[in-house]
Amino acid sequence: MDANSRLIAGRLYRVAEAVLAAMMALMFAVFILQIAFRYLLNLPIGWTNELSVMLWIWLVLWGAAFVTREEEEIRFDLFYASAGPRGRRIMFLAAATALIALYTISFRAVFDYVTFMRVERTAYLKFRFDWLFSIYLVFVVATLVRYLWLSWRAAFGPAPKRPDPTEMGSGT
């Protein structure tokens, strides 16, 4: 990647993080509102729970698609970490090929289901389910693009790095 591409990618990443943070802040505010109405005012409201669930779905899939870095993903890497560069390359390409194949095969059925759900709406906010579930399509496309790019790099570039436990974070 040249310097200009890295600059653009960095800015897009920061925008994706900001969107994720905004969804989390809104979900927290709605959650606090729900508690206040239920326990302080003794007036339970249903739309807050519905909105919290919708935001949770979106923030998990948005974060997995655009914010979580490859090295931050959870995986069982006992064999991967102990393999040499050629072994890591082969394991990565095998896993990436399986992921790309499964997401590609399932995409049409998932697309059909999401578009079919336009006939249903949520109970309180009357939000169409196709809009709610559309984030999964975004997630699948983003994941496919990511793994196609990572597979290209693994096949024709340097072998994937050996995981270093001293550099790994706790995820919090």
C-alpha atoms as a PDB file:
ATOM      1  CA  MET A   1       0.000   0.000   0.000  1.00  0.00           C
ATOM      2  CA  ASP A   2       1.243   3.433  -0.830  1.00  0.00           C
ATOM      3  CA  ALA A   3       1.084   6.339   1.620  1.00  0.00           C
ATOM      4  CA  ASN A   4      -2.105   7.808   0.132  1.00  0.00           C
ATOM      5  CA  SER A   5      -3.946   4.455   0.360  1.00  0.00           C
ATOM      6  CA  ARG A   6      -2.845   4.056   3.978  1.00  0.00           C
ATOM      7  CA  LEU A   7      -4.091   7.547   4.787  1.00  0.00           C
ATOM      8  CA  ILE A   8      -7.494   6.826   3.240  1.00  0.00           C
ATOM      9  CA  ALA A   9      -7.694   3.410   4.943  1.00  0.00           C
ATOM     10  CA  GLY A  10      -6.796   4.998   8.288  1.00  0.00           C
ATOM     11  CA  ARG A  11      -9.505   7.621   7.921  1.00  0.00           C
ATOM     12  CA  LEU A  12     -12.110   5.022   6.936  1.00  0.00           C
ATOM     13  CA  TYR A  13     -11.102   2.939   9.945  1.00  0.00           C
ATOM     14  CA  ARG A  14     -11.536   5.921  12.272  1.00  0.00           C
ATOM     15  CA  VAL A  15     -14.972   6.646  10.775  1.00  0.00           C
ATOM     16  CA  ALA A  16     -15.972   3.000  11.301  1.00  0.00           C
ATOM     17  CA  GLU A  17     -14.775   3.225  14.921  1.00  0.00           C
ATOM     18  CA  ALA A  18     -16.731   6.448  15.423  1.00  0.00           C
ATOM     19  CA  VAL A  19     -19.913   4.854  14.042  1.00  0.00           C
ATOM     20  CA  LEU A  20     -19.377   1.887  16.363  1.00  0.00           C
ATOM     21  CA  ALA A  21     -18.826   4.177  19.358  1.00  0.00           C
ATOM     22  CA  ALA A  22     -21.961   6.177  18.498  1.00  0.00           C
ATOM     23  CA  MET A  23     -24.034   2.986  18.341  1.00  0.00           C
ATOM     24  CA  MET A  24     -22.628   1.873  21.701  1.00  0.00           C
ATOM     25  CA  ALA A  25     -23.353   5.278  23.289  1.00  0.00           C
ATOM     26  CA  LEU A  26     -26.908   5.265  21.947  1.00  0.00           C
ATOM     27  CA  MET A  27     -27.463   1.714  23.154  1.00  0.00           C
ATOM     28  CA  PHE A  28     -26.195   2.662  26.621  1.00  0.00           C
ATOM     29  CA  ALA A  29     -28.408   5.774  26.745  1.00  0.00           C
ATOM     30  CA  VAL A  30     -31.477   3.765  25.716  1.00  0.00           C
ATOM     31  CA  PHE A  31     -30.622   1.106  28.307  1.00  0.00           C
ATOM     32  CA  ILE A  32     -30.375   3.738  31.085  1.00  0.00           C
ATOM     33  CA  LEU A  33     -33.652   5.257  29.886  1.00  0.00           C
ATOM     34  CA  GLN A  34     -35.275   1.827  30.072  1.00  0.00           C
ATOM     35  CA  ILE A  35     -34.078   1.358  33.662  1.00  0.00           C
ATOM     36  CA  ALA A  36     -35.263   4.824  34.666  1.00  0.00           C
ATOM     37  CA  PHE A  37     -38.731   4.335  33.213  1.00  0.00           C
ATOM     38  CA  ARG A  38     -39.149   0.836  34.627  1.00  0.00           C
ATOM     39  CA  TYR A  39     -37.762   1.254  38.147  1.00  0.00           C
ATOM     40  CA  LEU A  40     -38.017   4.965  38.915  1.00  0.00           C
ATOM     41  CA  LEU A  41     -41.265   5.825  37.153  1.00  0.00           C
ATOM     42  CA  ASN A  42     -42.821   2.336  37.298  1.00  0.00           C
ATOM     43  CA  LEU A  43     -43.711   2.746  33.633  1.00  0.00           C
ATOM     44  CA  PRO A  44     -42.135  -0.013  31.539  1.00  0.00           C
ATOM     45  CA  ILE A  45     -41.654   0.877  27.878  1.00  0.00           C
ATOM     46  CA  GLY A  46     -40.971  -1.707  25.207  1.00  0.00           C
ATOM     47  CA  TRP A  47     -39.348   0.335  22.485  1.00  0.00           C
ATOM     48  CA  THR A  48     -36.167   0.788  24.507  1.00  0.00           C
ATOM     49  CA  ASN A  49     -35.582  -2.954  24.685  1.00  0.00           C
ATOM     50  CA  GLU A  50     -36.301  -3.299  20.972  1.00  0.00           C
ATOM     51  CA  LEU A  51     -33.902  -0.501  20.062  1.00  0.00           C
ATOM     52  CA  SER A  52     -31.186  -1.938  22.345  1.00  0.00           C
ATOM     53  CA  VAL A  53     -31.440  -5.329  20.635  1.00  0.00           C
ATOM     54  CA  MET A  54     -31.347  -3.753  17.173  1.00  0.00           C
ATOM     55  CA  LEU A  55     -28.303  -1.668  18.083  1.00  0.00           C
ATOM     56  CA  TRP A  56     -26.579  -4.722  19.554  1.00  0.00           C
ATOM     57  CA  ILE A  57     -27.029  -6.669  16.314  1.00  0.00           C
ATOM     58  CA  TRP A  58     -25.712  -3.770  14.279  1.00  0.00           C
ATOM     59  CA  LEU A  59     -22.753  -2.934  16.492  1.00  0.00           C
ATOM     60  CA  VAL A  60     -21.535  -6.544  16.702  1.00  0.00           C
ATOM     61  CA  LEU A  61     -21.663  -7.099  12.941  1.00  0.00           C
ATOM     62  CA  TRP A  62     -20.425  -3.588  12.084  1.00  0.00           C
ATOM     63  CA  GLY A  63     -17.502  -4.028  14.463  1.00  0.00           C
ATOM     64  CA  ALA A  64     -16.651  -7.475  13.094  1.00  0.00           C
ATOM     65  CA  ALA A  65     -16.842  -6.208   9.519  1.00  0.00           C
ATOM     66  CA  PHE A  66     -14.968  -2.919   9.796  1.00  0.00           C
ATOM     67  CA  VAL A  67     -13.259  -2.418  13.160  1.00  0.00           C
ATOM     68  CA  THR A  68     -11.861  -5.736  14.396  1.00  0.00           C
ATOM     69  CA  ARG A  69      -8.391  -6.305  12.982  1.00  0.00           C
ATOM     70  CA  GLU A  70      -7.211  -9.678  11.754  1.00  0.00           C
ATOM     71  CA  GLU A  71      -4.830 -10.152  14.685  1.00  0.00           C
ATOM     72  CA  GLU A  72      -7.619  -9.326  17.169  1.00  0.00           C
ATOM     73  CA  GLU A  73      -9.899 -12.138  16.044  1.00  0.00           C
ATOM     74  CA  ILE A  74     -10.312 -15.037  18.420  1.00  0.00           C
ATOM     75  CA  ARG A  75      -8.909 -18.285  17.110  1.00  0.00           C
ATOM     76  CA  PHE A  76      -7.408 -21.553  18.208  1.00  0.00           C
ATOM     77  CA  ASP A  77      -3.811 -21.100  17.118  1.00  0.00           C
ATOM     78  CA  LEU A  78      -1.887 -23.806  18.973  1.00  0.00           C
ATOM     79  CA  PHE A  79      -0.794 -25.517  15.755  1.00  0.00           C
ATOM     80  CA  TYR A  80      -0.700 -22.316  13.712  1.00  0.00           C
ATOM     81  CA  ALA A  81       1.683 -20.588  16.123  1.00  0.00           C
ATOM     82  CA  SER A  82       4.065 -23.531  16.180  1.00  0.00           C
ATOM     83  CA  ALA A  83       4.172 -23.975  12.387  1.00  0.00           C
ATOM     84  CA  GLY A  84       6.818 -22.512  10.146  1.00  0.00           C
ATOM     85  CA  PRO A  85       6.131 -19.824   7.536  1.00  0.00           C
ATOM     86  CA  ARG A  86       5.099 -22.334   4.834  1.00  0.00           C
ATOM     87  CA  GLY A  87       2.785 -24.186   7.243  1.00  0.00           C
ATOM     88  CA  ARG A  88       1.165 -20.957   8.416  1.00  0.00           C
ATOM     89  CA  ARG A  89       0.633 -19.917   4.804  1.00  0.00           C
ATOM     90  CA  ILE A  90      -1.036 -23.255   3.973  1.00  0.00           C
ATOM     91  CA  MET A  91      -3.215 -23.224   7.110  1.00  0.00           C
ATOM     92  CA  PHE A  92      -4.293 -19.647   6.532  1.00  0.00           C
ATOM     93  CA  LEU A  93      -5.136 -20.269   2.891  1.00  0.00           C
ATOM     94  CA  ALA A  94      -7.094 -23.438   3.756  1.00  0.00           C
ATOM     95  CA  ALA A  95      -9.134 -21.632   6.413  1.00  0.00           C
ATOM     96  CA  ALA A  96      -9.664 -18.575   4.197  1.00  0.00           C
ATOM     97  CA  THR A  97     -10.738 -20.749   1.262  1.00  0.00           C
ATOM     98  CA  ALA A  98     -13.283 -22.540   3.444  1.00  0.00           C
ATOM     99  CA  LEU A  99     -14.632 -19.246   4.805  1.00  0.00           C
ATOM    100  CA  ILE A 100     -14.842 -17.661   1.346  1.00  0.00           C
ATOM    101  CA  ALA A 101     -16.563 -20.752  -0.088  1.00  0.00           C
ATOM    102  CA  LEU A 102     -19.118 -21.031   2.728  1.00  0.00           C
ATOM    103  CA  TYR A 103     -20.024 -17.329   2.733  1.00  0.00           C
ATOM    104  CA  THR A 104     -20.249 -17.293  -1.057  1.00  0.00           C
ATOM    105  CA  ILE A 105     -22.454 -20.402  -1.171  1.00  0.00           C
ATOM    106  CA  SER A 106     -24.771 -19.082   1.554  1.00  0.00           C
ATOM    107  CA  PHE A 107     -24.981 -15.519   0.262  1.00  0.00           C
ATOM    108  CA  ARG A 108     -27.877 -16.038  -2.148  1.00  0.00           C
ATOM    109  CA  ALA A 109     -30.056 -17.745   0.488  1.00  0.00           C
ATOM    110  CA  VAL A 110     -29.213 -15.072   3.071  1.00  0.00           C
ATOM    111  CA  PHE A 111     -29.983 -12.315   0.558  1.00  0.00           C
ATOM    112  CA  ASP A 112     -33.326 -13.939  -0.266  1.00  0.00           C
ATOM    113  CA  TYR A 113     -34.193 -14.211   3.428  1.00  0.00           C
ATOM    114  CA  VAL A 114     -33.241 -10.613   4.209  1.00  0.00           C
ATOM    115  CA  THR A 115     -35.220  -9.240   1.267  1.00  0.00           C
ATOM    116  CA  PHE A 116     -38.189 -11.479   2.151  1.00  0.00           C
ATOM    117  CA  MET A 117     -38.250 -10.000   5.658  1.00  0.00           C
ATOM    118  CA  ARG A 118     -39.380  -6.632   4.281  1.00  0.00           C
ATOM    119  CA  VAL A 119     -42.926  -7.805   4.970  1.00  0.00           C
ATOM    120  CA  GLU A 120     -42.310  -7.974   8.744  1.00  0.00           C
ATOM    121  CA  ARG A 121     -41.864  -5.079  11.157  1.00  0.00           C
ATOM    122  CA  THR A 122     -40.713  -4.846  14.757  1.00  0.00           C
ATOM    123  CA  ALA A 123     -43.421  -4.692  17.412  1.00  0.00           C
ATOM    124  CA  TYR A 124     -42.879  -1.213  18.883  1.00  0.00           C
ATOM    125  CA  LEU A 125     -40.893   0.892  16.450  1.00  0.00           C
ATOM    126  CA  LYS A 126     -42.346  -0.693  13.286  1.00  0.00           C
ATOM    127  CA  PHE A 127     -38.816  -0.944  11.883  1.00  0.00           C
ATOM    128  CA  ARG A 128     -38.661  -3.216   8.827  1.00  0.00           C
ATOM    129  CA  PHE A 129     -36.771  -6.444   9.460  1.00  0.00           C
ATOM    130  CA  ASP A 130     -35.019  -6.297   6.081  1.00  0.00           C
ATOM    131  CA  TRP A 131     -33.348  -3.056   7.207  1.00  0.00           C
ATOM    132  CA  LEU A 132     -32.462  -4.599  10.548  1.00  0.00           C
ATOM    133  CA  PHE A 133     -30.938  -7.735   9.011  1.00  0.00           C
ATOM    134  CA  SER A 134     -29.245  -5.905   6.117  1.00  0.00           C
ATOM    135  CA  ILE A 135     -26.165  -5.427   8.295  1.00  0.00           C
ATOM    136  CA  TYR A 136     -25.495  -9.151   7.923  1.00  0.00           C
ATOM    137  CA  LEU A 137     -25.194  -8.714   4.157  1.00  0.00           C
ATOM    138  CA  VAL A 138     -22.755  -5.852   4.731  1.00  0.00           C
ATOM    139  CA  PHE A 139     -20.813  -8.062   7.146  1.00  0.00           C
ATOM    140  CA  VAL A 140     -20.615 -10.951   4.653  1.00  0.00           C
ATOM    141  CA  VAL A 141     -19.467  -8.736   1.782  1.00  0.00           C
ATOM    142  CA  ALA A 142     -16.877  -6.991   3.969  1.00  0.00           C
ATOM    143  CA  THR A 143     -15.603 -10.339   5.261  1.00  0.00           C
ATOM    144  CA  LEU A 144     -15.370 -11.760   1.746  1.00  0.00           C
ATOM    145  CA  VAL A 145     -13.423  -8.727   0.524  1.00  0.00           C
ATOM    146  CA  ARG A 146     -11.139  -8.874   3.575  1.00  0.00           C
ATOM    147  CA  TYR A 147     -10.355 -12.571   3.196  1.00  0.00           C
ATOM    148  CA  LEU A 148      -9.876 -12.351  -0.571  1.00  0.00           C
ATOM    149  CA  TRP A 149      -7.335  -9.577   0.041  1.00  0.00           C
ATOM    150  CA  LEU A 150      -5.667 -11.427   2.933  1.00  0.00           C
ATOM    151  CA  SER A 151      -5.543 -14.626   0.856  1.00  0.00           C
ATOM    152  CA  TRP A 152      -3.890 -12.759  -1.997  1.00  0.00           C
ATOM    153  CA  ARG A 153      -1.308 -11.371   0.428  1.00  0.00           C
ATOM    154  CA  ALA A 154      -0.739 -14.792   2.018  1.00  0.00           C
ATOM    155  CA  ALA A 155      -0.359 -16.508  -1.358  1.00  0.00           C
ATOM    156  CA  PHE A 156       1.889 -13.969  -3.086  1.00  0.00           C
ATOM    157  CA  GLY A 157       3.373 -11.906  -0.267  1.00  0.00           C
ATOM    158  CA  PRO A 158       5.198 -12.778   2.912  1.00  0.00           C
ATOM    159  CA  ALA A 159       3.878 -15.644   5.004  1.00  0.00           C
ATOM    160  CA  PRO A 160       1.416 -14.707   7.761  1.00  0.00           C
ATOM    161  CA  LYS A 161       3.191 -13.612  10.938  1.00  0.00           C
ATOM    162  CA  ARG A 162       3.578 -16.006  13.829  1.00  0.00           C
ATOM    163  CA  PRO A 163       1.247 -14.906  16.654  1.00  0.00           C
ATOM    164  CA  ASP A 164       3.186 -13.341  19.503  1.00  0.00           C
ATOM    165  CA  PRO A 165       1.395 -13.800  22.848  1.00  0.00           C
ATOM    166  CA  THR A 166       3.272 -10.830  24.326  1.00  0.00           C
ATOM    167  CA  GLU A 167       1.650  -8.519  21.749  1.00  0.00           C
ATOM    168  CA  MET A 168      -1.895  -9.830  22.171  1.00  0.00           C
ATOM    169  CA  GLY A 169      -4.385  -7.785  24.120  1.00  0.00           C
ATOM    170  CA  SER A 170      -7.085  -9.026  26.430  1.00  0.00           C
ATOM    171  CA  GLY A 171      -9.806  -7.775  24.102  1.00  0.00           C
ATOM    172  CA  THR A 172     -11.055  -5.265  26.647  1.00  0.00           C
END
